[in-house]
Amino acid sequence: TKNHNRTVRMILALVNEWETKEQTNRYKISAKAYMNA
């Protein structure tokens, strides 16, 4: 972030960690994935 601009330099694509039946309408990110990021 610089001034009022954020610039994306890379992404970390994640696996949706919800149980299969929930994955069509929400995503879940684990604490471990957050710490890794």
PDB file of all heavy atoms in Angstrom:
ATOM      1  N   THR A   1       0.857  -1.183   0.000  1.00  0.00           N
ATOM      2  CA  THR A   1       0.000   0.000   0.000  1.00  0.00           C
ATOM      3  C   THR A   1       0.888   1.227   0.000  1.00  0.00           C
ATOM      4  O   THR A   1       1.845   1.320   0.777  1.00  0.00           O
ATOM      5  CB  THR A   1      -0.899   0.016   1.252  1.00  0.00           C
ATOM      6  OG1 THR A   1      -1.668  -1.192   1.281  1.00  0.00           O
ATOM      7  CG2 THR A   1      -1.845   1.206   1.236  1.00  0.00           C
ATOM      8  N   LYS A   2       0.587   2.163  -0.896  1.00  0.00           N
ATOM      9  CA  LYS A   2       1.305   3.432  -0.945  1.00  0.00           C
ATOM     10  C   LYS A   2       0.278   4.523  -1.204  1.00  0.00           C
ATOM     11  O   LYS A   2      -0.483   4.437  -2.175  1.00  0.00           O
ATOM     12  CB  LYS A   2       2.357   3.415  -2.052  1.00  0.00           C
ATOM     13  CG  LYS A   2       3.219   4.658  -2.079  1.00  0.00           C
ATOM     14  CD  LYS A   2       4.320   4.528  -3.106  1.00  0.00           C
ATOM     15  CE  LYS A   2       5.187   5.775  -3.075  1.00  0.00           C
ATOM     16  NZ  LYS A   2       6.257   5.682  -4.066  1.00  0.00           N
ATOM     17  N   ASN A   3       0.274   5.527  -0.331  1.00  0.00           N
ATOM     18  CA  ASN A   3      -0.739   6.567  -0.369  1.00  0.00           C
ATOM     19  C   ASN A   3      -2.112   5.896  -0.276  1.00  0.00           C
ATOM     20  O   ASN A   3      -2.356   5.148   0.643  1.00  0.00           O
ATOM     21  CB  ASN A   3      -0.577   7.462  -1.586  1.00  0.00           C
ATOM     22  CG  ASN A   3       0.770   8.162  -1.605  1.00  0.00           C
ATOM     23  OD1 ASN A   3       1.276   8.567  -0.570  1.00  0.00           O
ATOM     24  ND2 ASN A   3       1.363   8.281  -2.782  1.00  0.00           N
ATOM     25  N   HIS A   4      -2.982   6.094  -1.247  1.00  0.00           N
ATOM     26  CA  HIS A   4      -4.304   5.457  -1.212  1.00  0.00           C
ATOM     27  C   HIS A   4      -4.435   4.393  -2.296  1.00  0.00           C
ATOM     28  O   HIS A   4      -5.526   4.130  -2.793  1.00  0.00           O
ATOM     29  CB  HIS A   4      -5.405   6.508  -1.345  1.00  0.00           C
ATOM     30  CG  HIS A   4      -5.494   7.405  -0.157  1.00  0.00           C
ATOM     31  ND1 HIS A   4      -5.966   6.973   1.057  1.00  0.00           N
ATOM     32  CD2 HIS A   4      -5.128   8.699   0.012  1.00  0.00           C
ATOM     33  CE1 HIS A   4      -5.905   7.959   1.924  1.00  0.00           C
ATOM     34  NE2 HIS A   4      -5.402   9.027   1.323  1.00  0.00           N
ATOM     35  N   ASN A   5      -3.303   3.787  -2.637  1.00  0.00           N
ATOM     36  CA  ASN A   5      -3.294   2.739  -3.658  1.00  0.00           C
ATOM     37  C   ASN A   5      -2.728   1.451  -3.092  1.00  0.00           C
ATOM     38  O   ASN A   5      -1.681   1.460  -2.441  1.00  0.00           O
ATOM     39  CB  ASN A   5      -2.424   3.170  -4.853  1.00  0.00           C
ATOM     40  CG  ASN A   5      -3.081   4.221  -5.679  1.00  0.00           C
ATOM     41  OD1 ASN A   5      -3.987   3.928  -6.439  1.00  0.00           O
ATOM     42  ND2 ASN A   5      -2.628   5.465  -5.535  1.00  0.00           N
ATOM     43  N   ARG A   6      -3.414   0.378  -3.364  1.00  0.00           N
ATOM     44  CA  ARG A   6      -2.886  -0.953  -3.066  1.00  0.00           C
ATOM     45  C   ARG A   6      -2.520  -1.582  -4.398  1.00  0.00           C
ATOM     46  O   ARG A   6      -3.282  -1.497  -5.359  1.00  0.00           O
ATOM     47  CB  ARG A   6      -3.944  -1.821  -2.386  1.00  0.00           C
ATOM     48  CG  ARG A   6      -4.227  -1.431  -0.972  1.00  0.00           C
ATOM     49  CD  ARG A   6      -5.145  -2.461  -0.326  1.00  0.00           C
ATOM     50  NE  ARG A   6      -5.335  -2.107   1.057  1.00  0.00           N
ATOM     51  CZ  ARG A   6      -6.515  -1.972   1.641  1.00  0.00           C
ATOM     52  NH1 ARG A   6      -7.621  -2.177   0.966  1.00  0.00           N
ATOM     53  NH2 ARG A   6      -6.598  -1.648   2.908  1.00  0.00           N
ATOM     54  N   THR A   7      -1.380  -2.241  -4.425  1.00  0.00           N
ATOM     55  CA  THR A   7      -0.927  -2.903  -5.642  1.00  0.00           C
ATOM     56  C   THR A   7      -0.683  -4.374  -5.335  1.00  0.00           C
ATOM     57  O   THR A   7       0.066  -4.701  -4.420  1.00  0.00           O
ATOM     58  CB  THR A   7       0.362  -2.258  -6.181  1.00  0.00           C
ATOM     59  OG1 THR A   7       0.098  -0.870  -6.436  1.00  0.00           O
ATOM     60  CG2 THR A   7       0.826  -2.935  -7.454  1.00  0.00           C
ATOM     61  N   VAL A   8      -1.349  -5.243  -6.082  1.00  0.00           N
ATOM     62  CA  VAL A   8      -1.183  -6.691  -5.922  1.00  0.00           C
ATOM     63  C   VAL A   8       0.053  -7.110  -6.698  1.00  0.00           C
ATOM     64  O   VAL A   8       0.166  -6.836  -7.893  1.00  0.00           O
ATOM     65  CB  VAL A   8      -2.433  -7.453  -6.426  1.00  0.00           C
ATOM     66  CG1 VAL A   8      -2.222  -8.960  -6.291  1.00  0.00           C
ATOM     67  CG2 VAL A   8      -3.685  -7.006  -5.690  1.00  0.00           C
ATOM     68  N   ARG A   9       0.977  -7.782  -6.024  1.00  0.00           N
ATOM     69  CA  ARG A   9       2.208  -8.263  -6.659  1.00  0.00           C
ATOM     70  C   ARG A   9       2.200  -9.772  -6.858  1.00  0.00           C
ATOM     71  O   ARG A   9       2.921 -10.294  -7.693  1.00  0.00           O
ATOM     72  CB  ARG A   9       3.436  -7.875  -5.837  1.00  0.00           C
ATOM     73  CG  ARG A   9       3.570  -6.393  -5.601  1.00  0.00           C
ATOM     74  CD  ARG A   9       3.641  -5.574  -6.870  1.00  0.00           C
ATOM     75  NE  ARG A   9       4.870  -5.867  -7.571  1.00  0.00           N
ATOM     76  CZ  ARG A   9       5.095  -5.551  -8.839  1.00  0.00           C
ATOM     77  NH1 ARG A   9       4.182  -4.925  -9.530  1.00  0.00           N
ATOM     78  NH2 ARG A   9       6.222  -5.858  -9.406  1.00  0.00           N
ATOM     79  N   MET A  10       1.388 -10.483  -6.054  1.00  0.00           N
ATOM     80  CA  MET A  10       1.271 -11.936  -6.222  1.00  0.00           C
ATOM     81  C   MET A  10       0.022 -12.419  -5.493  1.00  0.00           C
ATOM     82  O   MET A  10      -0.550 -11.692  -4.676  1.00  0.00           O
ATOM     83  CB  MET A  10       2.504 -12.678  -5.723  1.00  0.00           C
ATOM     84  CG  MET A  10       2.717 -12.642  -4.226  1.00  0.00           C
ATOM     85  SD  MET A  10       4.187 -13.568  -3.660  1.00  0.00           S
ATOM     86  CE  MET A  10       3.686 -15.260  -3.934  1.00  0.00           C
ATOM     87  N   ILE A  11      -0.408 -13.613  -5.834  1.00  0.00           N
ATOM     88  CA  ILE A  11      -1.546 -14.227  -5.145  1.00  0.00           C
ATOM     89  C   ILE A  11      -1.121 -15.566  -4.560  1.00  0.00           C
ATOM     90  O   ILE A  11      -0.129 -16.162  -5.000  1.00  0.00           O
ATOM     91  CB  ILE A  11      -2.756 -14.431  -6.079  1.00  0.00           C
ATOM     92  CG1 ILE A  11      -2.434 -15.423  -7.197  1.00  0.00           C
ATOM     93  CG2 ILE A  11      -3.267 -13.100  -6.602  1.00  0.00           C
ATOM     94  CD1 ILE A  11      -3.643 -15.954  -7.934  1.00  0.00           C
ATOM     95  N   LEU A  12      -1.882 -16.009  -3.589  1.00  0.00           N
ATOM     96  CA  LEU A  12      -1.778 -17.372  -3.087  1.00  0.00           C
ATOM     97  C   LEU A  12      -3.158 -17.996  -3.264  1.00  0.00           C
ATOM     98  O   LEU A  12      -4.084 -17.687  -2.520  1.00  0.00           O
ATOM     99  CB  LEU A  12      -1.371 -17.386  -1.616  1.00  0.00           C
ATOM    100  CG  LEU A  12       0.030 -16.897  -1.294  1.00  0.00           C
ATOM    101  CD1 LEU A  12       0.257 -16.882   0.209  1.00  0.00           C
ATOM    102  CD2 LEU A  12       1.075 -17.774  -1.971  1.00  0.00           C
ATOM    103  N   ALA A  13      -3.286 -18.832  -4.288  1.00  0.00           N
ATOM    104  CA  ALA A  13      -4.548 -19.525  -4.528  1.00  0.00           C
ATOM    105  C   ALA A  13      -4.715 -20.610  -3.475  1.00  0.00           C
ATOM    106  O   ALA A  13      -3.753 -21.288  -3.108  1.00  0.00           O
ATOM    107  CB  ALA A  13      -4.558 -20.124  -5.934  1.00  0.00           C
ATOM    108  N   LEU A  14      -5.927 -20.752  -2.974  1.00  0.00           N
ATOM    109  CA  LEU A  14      -6.202 -21.695  -1.887  1.00  0.00           C
ATOM    110  C   LEU A  14      -7.238 -22.730  -2.289  1.00  0.00           C
ATOM    111  O   LEU A  14      -8.050 -22.512  -3.181  1.00  0.00           O
ATOM    112  CB  LEU A  14      -6.711 -20.937  -0.660  1.00  0.00           C
ATOM    113  CG  LEU A  14      -5.770 -19.874  -0.097  1.00  0.00           C
ATOM    114  CD1 LEU A  14      -6.480 -19.069   0.967  1.00  0.00           C
ATOM    115  CD2 LEU A  14      -4.509 -20.514   0.456  1.00  0.00           C
ATOM    116  N   VAL A  15      -7.223 -23.823  -1.574  1.00  0.00           N
ATOM    117  CA  VAL A  15      -8.254 -24.844  -1.701  1.00  0.00           C
ATOM    118  C   VAL A  15      -9.381 -24.466  -0.746  1.00  0.00           C
ATOM    119  O   VAL A  15      -9.131 -24.089   0.407  1.00  0.00           O
ATOM    120  CB  VAL A  15      -7.684 -26.240  -1.331  1.00  0.00           C
ATOM    121  CG1 VAL A  15      -8.783 -27.282  -1.301  1.00  0.00           C
ATOM    122  CG2 VAL A  15      -6.578 -26.623  -2.290  1.00  0.00           C
ATOM    123  N   ASN A  16     -10.618 -24.532  -1.216  1.00  0.00           N
ATOM    124  CA  ASN A  16     -11.775 -24.255  -0.366  1.00  0.00           C
ATOM    125  C   ASN A  16     -11.886 -25.375   0.668  1.00  0.00           C
ATOM    126  O   ASN A  16     -12.055 -26.541   0.323  1.00  0.00           O
ATOM    127  CB  ASN A  16     -13.041 -24.186  -1.219  1.00  0.00           C
ATOM    128  CG  ASN A  16     -14.250 -23.737  -0.438  1.00  0.00           C
ATOM    129  OD1 ASN A  16     -14.308 -23.839   0.785  1.00  0.00           O
ATOM    130  ND2 ASN A  16     -15.246 -23.249  -1.158  1.00  0.00           N
ATOM    131  N   GLU A  17     -11.805 -25.021   1.937  1.00  0.00           N
ATOM    132  CA  GLU A  17     -11.748 -26.028   2.999  1.00  0.00           C
ATOM    133  C   GLU A  17     -13.112 -26.376   3.615  1.00  0.00           C
ATOM    134  O   GLU A  17     -13.160 -27.129   4.585  1.00  0.00           O
ATOM    135  CB  GLU A  17     -10.751 -25.578   4.066  1.00  0.00           C
ATOM    136  CG  GLU A  17      -9.348 -25.496   3.483  1.00  0.00           C
ATOM    137  CD  GLU A  17      -8.268 -25.269   4.515  1.00  0.00           C
ATOM    138  OE1 GLU A  17      -8.474 -25.591   5.694  1.00  0.00           O
ATOM    139  OE2 GLU A  17      -7.197 -24.774   4.131  1.00  0.00           O
ATOM    140  N   TRP A  18     -14.198 -25.829   3.065  1.00  0.00           N
ATOM    141  CA  TRP A  18     -15.520 -26.240   3.542  1.00  0.00           C
ATOM    142  C   TRP A  18     -15.783 -27.671   3.115  1.00  0.00           C
ATOM    143  O   TRP A  18     -15.235 -28.148   2.120  1.00  0.00           O
ATOM    144  CB  TRP A  18     -16.624 -25.367   2.944  1.00  0.00           C
ATOM    145  CG  TRP A  18     -16.965 -24.162   3.750  1.00  0.00           C
ATOM    146  CD1 TRP A  18     -16.714 -22.878   3.415  1.00  0.00           C
ATOM    147  CD2 TRP A  18     -17.633 -24.113   5.015  1.00  0.00           C
ATOM    148  NE1 TRP A  18     -17.165 -22.034   4.388  1.00  0.00           N
ATOM    149  CE2 TRP A  18     -17.737 -22.765   5.383  1.00  0.00           C
ATOM    150  CE3 TRP A  18     -18.137 -25.075   5.884  1.00  0.00           C
ATOM    151  CZ2 TRP A  18     -18.333 -22.352   6.565  1.00  0.00           C
ATOM    152  CZ3 TRP A  18     -18.731 -24.667   7.058  1.00  0.00           C
ATOM    153  CH2 TRP A  18     -18.823 -23.325   7.387  1.00  0.00           C
ATOM    154  N   GLU A  19     -16.671 -28.319   3.856  1.00  0.00           N
ATOM    155  CA  GLU A  19     -17.120 -29.635   3.416  1.00  0.00           C
ATOM    156  C   GLU A  19     -17.791 -29.470   2.059  1.00  0.00           C
ATOM    157  O   GLU A  19     -18.346 -28.424   1.756  1.00  0.00           O
ATOM    158  CB  GLU A  19     -18.096 -30.232   4.427  1.00  0.00           C
ATOM    159  CG  GLU A  19     -17.437 -30.543   5.758  1.00  0.00           C
ATOM    160  CD  GLU A  19     -18.400 -31.150   6.750  1.00  0.00           C
ATOM    161  OE1 GLU A  19     -19.394 -31.769   6.335  1.00  0.00           O
ATOM    162  OE2 GLU A  19     -18.158 -30.998   7.951  1.00  0.00           O
ATOM    163  N   THR A  20     -17.754 -30.499   1.252  1.00  0.00           N
ATOM    164  CA  THR A  20     -18.201 -30.442  -0.136  1.00  0.00           C
ATOM    165  C   THR A  20     -19.564 -29.789  -0.316  1.00  0.00           C
ATOM    166  O   THR A  20     -19.740 -28.940  -1.179  1.00  0.00           O
ATOM    167  CB  THR A  20     -18.213 -31.866  -0.745  1.00  0.00           C
ATOM    168  OG1 THR A  20     -16.915 -32.428  -0.581  1.00  0.00           O
ATOM    169  CG2 THR A  20     -18.572 -31.827  -2.206  1.00  0.00           C
ATOM    170  N   LYS A  21     -20.543 -30.121   0.504  1.00  0.00           N
ATOM    171  CA  LYS A  21     -21.903 -29.598   0.310  1.00  0.00           C
ATOM    172  C   LYS A  21     -22.000 -28.087   0.515  1.00  0.00           C
ATOM    173  O   LYS A  21     -22.919 -27.449   0.027  1.00  0.00           O
ATOM    174  CB  LYS A  21     -22.890 -30.319   1.226  1.00  0.00           C
ATOM    175  CG  LYS A  21     -22.624 -30.113   2.700  1.00  0.00           C
ATOM    176  CD  LYS A  21     -23.570 -30.905   3.561  1.00  0.00           C
ATOM    177  CE  LYS A  21     -23.210 -30.665   5.033  1.00  0.00           C
ATOM    178  NZ  LYS A  21     -24.090 -31.321   5.932  1.00  0.00           N
ATOM    179  N   GLU A  22     -21.041 -27.487   1.213  1.00  0.00           N
ATOM    180  CA  GLU A  22     -21.053 -26.040   1.482  1.00  0.00           C
ATOM    181  C   GLU A  22     -20.257 -25.241   0.460  1.00  0.00           C
ATOM    182  O   GLU A  22     -20.368 -24.027   0.407  1.00  0.00           O
ATOM    183  CB  GLU A  22     -20.486 -25.763   2.880  1.00  0.00           C
ATOM    184  CG  GLU A  22     -21.286 -26.346   4.006  1.00  0.00           C
ATOM    185  CD  GLU A  22     -22.622 -25.644   4.203  1.00  0.00           C
ATOM    186  OE1 GLU A  22     -22.735 -24.453   3.869  1.00  0.00           O
ATOM    187  OE2 GLU A  22     -23.542 -26.306   4.693  1.00  0.00           O
ATOM    188  N   GLN A  23     -19.447 -25.884  -0.358  1.00  0.00           N
ATOM    189  CA  GLN A  23     -18.500 -25.177  -1.216  1.00  0.00           C
ATOM    190  C   GLN A  23     -19.141 -24.376  -2.343  1.00  0.00           C
ATOM    191  O   GLN A  23     -18.489 -23.509  -2.911  1.00  0.00           O
ATOM    192  CB  GLN A  23     -17.485 -26.153  -1.801  1.00  0.00           C
ATOM    193  CG  GLN A  23     -16.532 -26.686  -0.763  1.00  0.00           C
ATOM    194  CD  GLN A  23     -15.478 -27.586  -1.366  1.00  0.00           C
ATOM    195  OE1 GLN A  23     -15.423 -27.800  -2.572  1.00  0.00           O
ATOM    196  NE2 GLN A  23     -14.630 -28.120  -0.520  1.00  0.00           N
ATOM    197  N   THR A  24     -20.392 -24.626  -2.659  1.00  0.00           N
ATOM    198  CA  THR A  24     -21.016 -23.888  -3.754  1.00  0.00           C
ATOM    199  C   THR A  24     -21.437 -22.473  -3.349  1.00  0.00           C
ATOM    200  O   THR A  24     -21.680 -21.640  -4.214  1.00  0.00           O
ATOM    201  CB  THR A  24     -22.258 -24.626  -4.304  1.00  0.00           C
ATOM    202  OG1 THR A  24     -23.192 -24.821  -3.243  1.00  0.00           O
ATOM    203  CG2 THR A  24     -21.875 -25.945  -4.929  1.00  0.00           C
ATOM    204  N   ASN A  25     -21.523 -22.207  -2.047  1.00  0.00           N
ATOM    205  CA  ASN A  25     -21.977 -20.867  -1.644  1.00  0.00           C
ATOM    206  C   ASN A  25     -21.128 -20.216  -0.557  1.00  0.00           C
ATOM    207  O   ASN A  25     -21.527 -19.201  -0.003  1.00  0.00           O
ATOM    208  CB  ASN A  25     -23.453 -20.886  -1.247  1.00  0.00           C
ATOM    209  CG  ASN A  25     -23.725 -21.768  -0.054  1.00  0.00           C
ATOM    210  OD1 ASN A  25     -22.849 -22.481   0.418  1.00  0.00           O
ATOM    211  ND2 ASN A  25     -24.934 -21.719   0.451  1.00  0.00           N
ATOM    212  N   ARG A  26     -19.983 -20.782  -0.237  1.00  0.00           N
ATOM    213  CA  ARG A  26     -19.054 -20.110   0.682  1.00  0.00           C
ATOM    214  C   ARG A  26     -17.681 -20.746   0.591  1.00  0.00           C
ATOM    215  O   ARG A  26     -17.526 -21.864   0.112  1.00  0.00           O
ATOM    216  CB  ARG A  26     -19.557 -20.096   2.117  1.00  0.00           C
ATOM    217  CG  ARG A  26     -19.868 -21.402   2.758  1.00  0.00           C
ATOM    218  CD  ARG A  26     -20.395 -21.212   4.185  1.00  0.00           C
ATOM    219  NE  ARG A  26     -21.418 -20.209   4.263  1.00  0.00           N
ATOM    220  CZ  ARG A  26     -22.690 -20.416   4.589  1.00  0.00           C
ATOM    221  NH1 ARG A  26     -23.083 -21.622   4.898  1.00  0.00           N
ATOM    222  NH2 ARG A  26     -23.546 -19.442   4.624  1.00  0.00           N
ATOM    223  N   TYR A  27     -16.713 -19.991   1.048  1.00  0.00           N
ATOM    224  CA  TYR A  27     -15.345 -20.494   1.086  1.00  0.00           C
ATOM    225  C   TYR A  27     -14.852 -20.453   2.524  1.00  0.00           C
ATOM    226  O   TYR A  27     -15.375 -19.711   3.355  1.00  0.00           O
ATOM    227  CB  TYR A  27     -14.414 -19.685   0.174  1.00  0.00           C
ATOM    228  CG  TYR A  27     -14.167 -18.271   0.644  1.00  0.00           C
ATOM    229  CD1 TYR A  27     -13.071 -17.958   1.438  1.00  0.00           C
ATOM    230  CD2 TYR A  27     -15.024 -17.248   0.294  1.00  0.00           C
ATOM    231  CE1 TYR A  27     -12.844 -16.663   1.878  1.00  0.00           C
ATOM    232  CE2 TYR A  27     -14.806 -15.939   0.728  1.00  0.00           C
ATOM    233  CZ  TYR A  27     -13.718 -15.662   1.522  1.00  0.00           C
ATOM    234  OH  TYR A  27     -13.503 -14.383   1.953  1.00  0.00           O
ATOM    235  N   LYS A  28     -13.866 -21.275   2.789  1.00  0.00           N
ATOM    236  CA  LYS A  28     -13.280 -21.325   4.131  1.00  0.00           C
ATOM    237  C   LYS A  28     -11.764 -21.334   3.986  1.00  0.00           C
ATOM    238  O   LYS A  28     -11.215 -22.088   3.186  1.00  0.00           O
ATOM    239  CB  LYS A  28     -13.743 -22.587   4.847  1.00  0.00           C
ATOM    240  CG  LYS A  28     -13.249 -22.724   6.267  1.00  0.00           C
ATOM    241  CD  LYS A  28     -13.826 -24.011   6.870  1.00  0.00           C
ATOM    242  CE  LYS A  28     -13.460 -24.182   8.314  1.00  0.00           C
ATOM    243  NZ  LYS A  28     -14.011 -25.432   8.855  1.00  0.00           N
ATOM    244  N   ILE A  29     -11.128 -20.458   4.749  1.00  0.00           N
ATOM    245  CA  ILE A  29      -9.679 -20.392   4.777  1.00  0.00           C
ATOM    246  C   ILE A  29      -9.240 -20.759   6.189  1.00  0.00           C
ATOM    247  O   ILE A  29      -9.696 -20.156   7.158  1.00  0.00           O
ATOM    248  CB  ILE A  29      -9.181 -18.980   4.403  1.00  0.00           C
ATOM    249  CG1 ILE A  29      -9.601 -18.633   2.970  1.00  0.00           C
ATOM    250  CG2 ILE A  29      -7.675 -18.884   4.571  1.00  0.00           C
ATOM    251  CD1 ILE A  29      -9.297 -17.207   2.567  1.00  0.00           C
ATOM    252  N   SER A  30      -8.355 -21.716   6.296  1.00  0.00           N
ATOM    253  CA  SER A  30      -7.910 -22.175   7.617  1.00  0.00           C
ATOM    254  C   SER A  30      -6.916 -21.196   8.233  1.00  0.00           C
ATOM    255  O   SER A  30      -6.267 -20.402   7.542  1.00  0.00           O
ATOM    256  CB  SER A  30      -7.264 -23.554   7.511  1.00  0.00           C
ATOM    257  OG  SER A  30      -6.021 -23.443   6.845  1.00  0.00           O
ATOM    258  N   ALA A  31      -6.771 -21.289   9.531  1.00  0.00           N
ATOM    259  CA  ALA A  31      -5.781 -20.485  10.249  1.00  0.00           C
ATOM    260  C   ALA A  31      -4.378 -20.825   9.746  1.00  0.00           C
ATOM    261  O   ALA A  31      -3.523 -19.933   9.617  1.00  0.00           O
ATOM    262  CB  ALA A  31      -5.898 -20.729  11.744  1.00  0.00           C
ATOM    263  N   LYS A  32      -4.146 -22.077   9.429  1.00  0.00           N
ATOM    264  CA  LYS A  32      -2.838 -22.497   8.917  1.00  0.00           C
ATOM    265  C   LYS A  32      -2.537 -21.817   7.580  1.00  0.00           C
ATOM    266  O   LYS A  32      -1.416 -21.346   7.354  1.00  0.00           O
ATOM    267  CB  LYS A  32      -2.810 -24.017   8.763  1.00  0.00           C
ATOM    268  CG  LYS A  32      -1.489 -24.555   8.305  1.00  0.00           C
ATOM    269  CD  LYS A  32      -1.517 -26.073   8.232  1.00  0.00           C
ATOM    270  CE  LYS A  32      -0.183 -26.607   7.741  1.00  0.00           C
ATOM    271  NZ  LYS A  32      -0.175 -28.059   7.643  1.00  0.00           N
ATOM    272  N   ALA A  33      -3.536 -21.735   6.690  1.00  0.00           N
ATOM    273  CA  ALA A  33      -3.348 -21.068   5.395  1.00  0.00           C
ATOM    274  C   ALA A  33      -3.081 -19.576   5.593  1.00  0.00           C
ATOM    275  O   ALA A  33      -2.238 -18.986   4.909  1.00  0.00           O
ATOM    276  CB  ALA A  33      -4.573 -21.277   4.508  1.00  0.00           C
ATOM    277  N   TYR A  34      -3.774 -18.966   6.547  1.00  0.00           N
ATOM    278  CA  TYR A  34      -3.561 -17.556   6.854  1.00  0.00           C
ATOM    279  C   TYR A  34      -2.139 -17.332   7.372  1.00  0.00           C
ATOM    280  O   TYR A  34      -1.443 -16.417   6.923  1.00  0.00           O
ATOM    281  CB  TYR A  34      -4.598 -17.080   7.877  1.00  0.00           C
ATOM    282  CG  TYR A  34      -4.354 -15.676   8.370  1.00  0.00           C
ATOM    283  CD1 TYR A  34      -4.697 -14.588   7.580  1.00  0.00           C
ATOM    284  CD2 TYR A  34      -3.773 -15.442   9.606  1.00  0.00           C
ATOM    285  CE1 TYR A  34      -4.462 -13.292   8.018  1.00  0.00           C
ATOM    286  CE2 TYR A  34      -3.534 -14.156  10.049  1.00  0.00           C
ATOM    287  CZ  TYR A  34      -3.884 -13.078   9.253  1.00  0.00           C
ATOM    288  OH  TYR A  34      -3.638 -11.814   9.683  1.00  0.00           O
ATOM    289  N   MET A  35      -1.699 -18.165   8.291  1.00  0.00           N
ATOM    290  CA  MET A  35      -0.343 -18.034   8.839  1.00  0.00           C
ATOM    291  C   MET A  35       0.708 -18.235   7.743  1.00  0.00           C
ATOM    292  O   MET A  35       1.713 -17.519   7.698  1.00  0.00           O
ATOM    293  CB  MET A  35      -0.142 -19.017   9.995  1.00  0.00           C
ATOM    294  CG  MET A  35      -0.943 -18.633  11.228  1.00  0.00           C
ATOM    295  SD  MET A  35      -0.959 -19.863  12.556  1.00  0.00           S
ATOM    296  CE  MET A  35       0.745 -20.256  12.744  1.00  0.00           C
ATOM    297  N   ASN A  36       0.460 -19.185   6.853  1.00  0.00           N
ATOM    298  CA  ASN A  36       1.372 -19.415   5.733  1.00  0.00           C
ATOM    299  C   ASN A  36       1.433 -18.175   4.835  1.00  0.00           C
ATOM    300  O   ASN A  36       2.517 -17.779   4.398  1.00  0.00           O
ATOM    301  CB  ASN A  36       0.936 -20.639   4.924  1.00  0.00           C
ATOM    302  CG  ASN A  36       1.859 -20.872   3.745  1.00  0.00           C
ATOM    303  OD1 ASN A  36       3.042 -21.127   3.905  1.00  0.00           O
ATOM    304  ND2 ASN A  36       1.294 -20.776   2.548  1.00  0.00           N
ATOM    305  N   ALA A  37       0.285 -17.572   4.572  1.00  0.00           N
ATOM    306  CA  ALA A  37       0.248 -16.372   3.733  1.00  0.00           C
ATOM    307  C   ALA A  37       1.036 -15.235   4.372  1.00  0.00           C
ATOM    308  O   ALA A  37       1.767 -14.504   3.690  1.00  0.00           O
ATOM    309  CB  ALA A  37      -1.197 -15.946   3.483  1.00  0.00           C
TER     310      ALA A  37
END
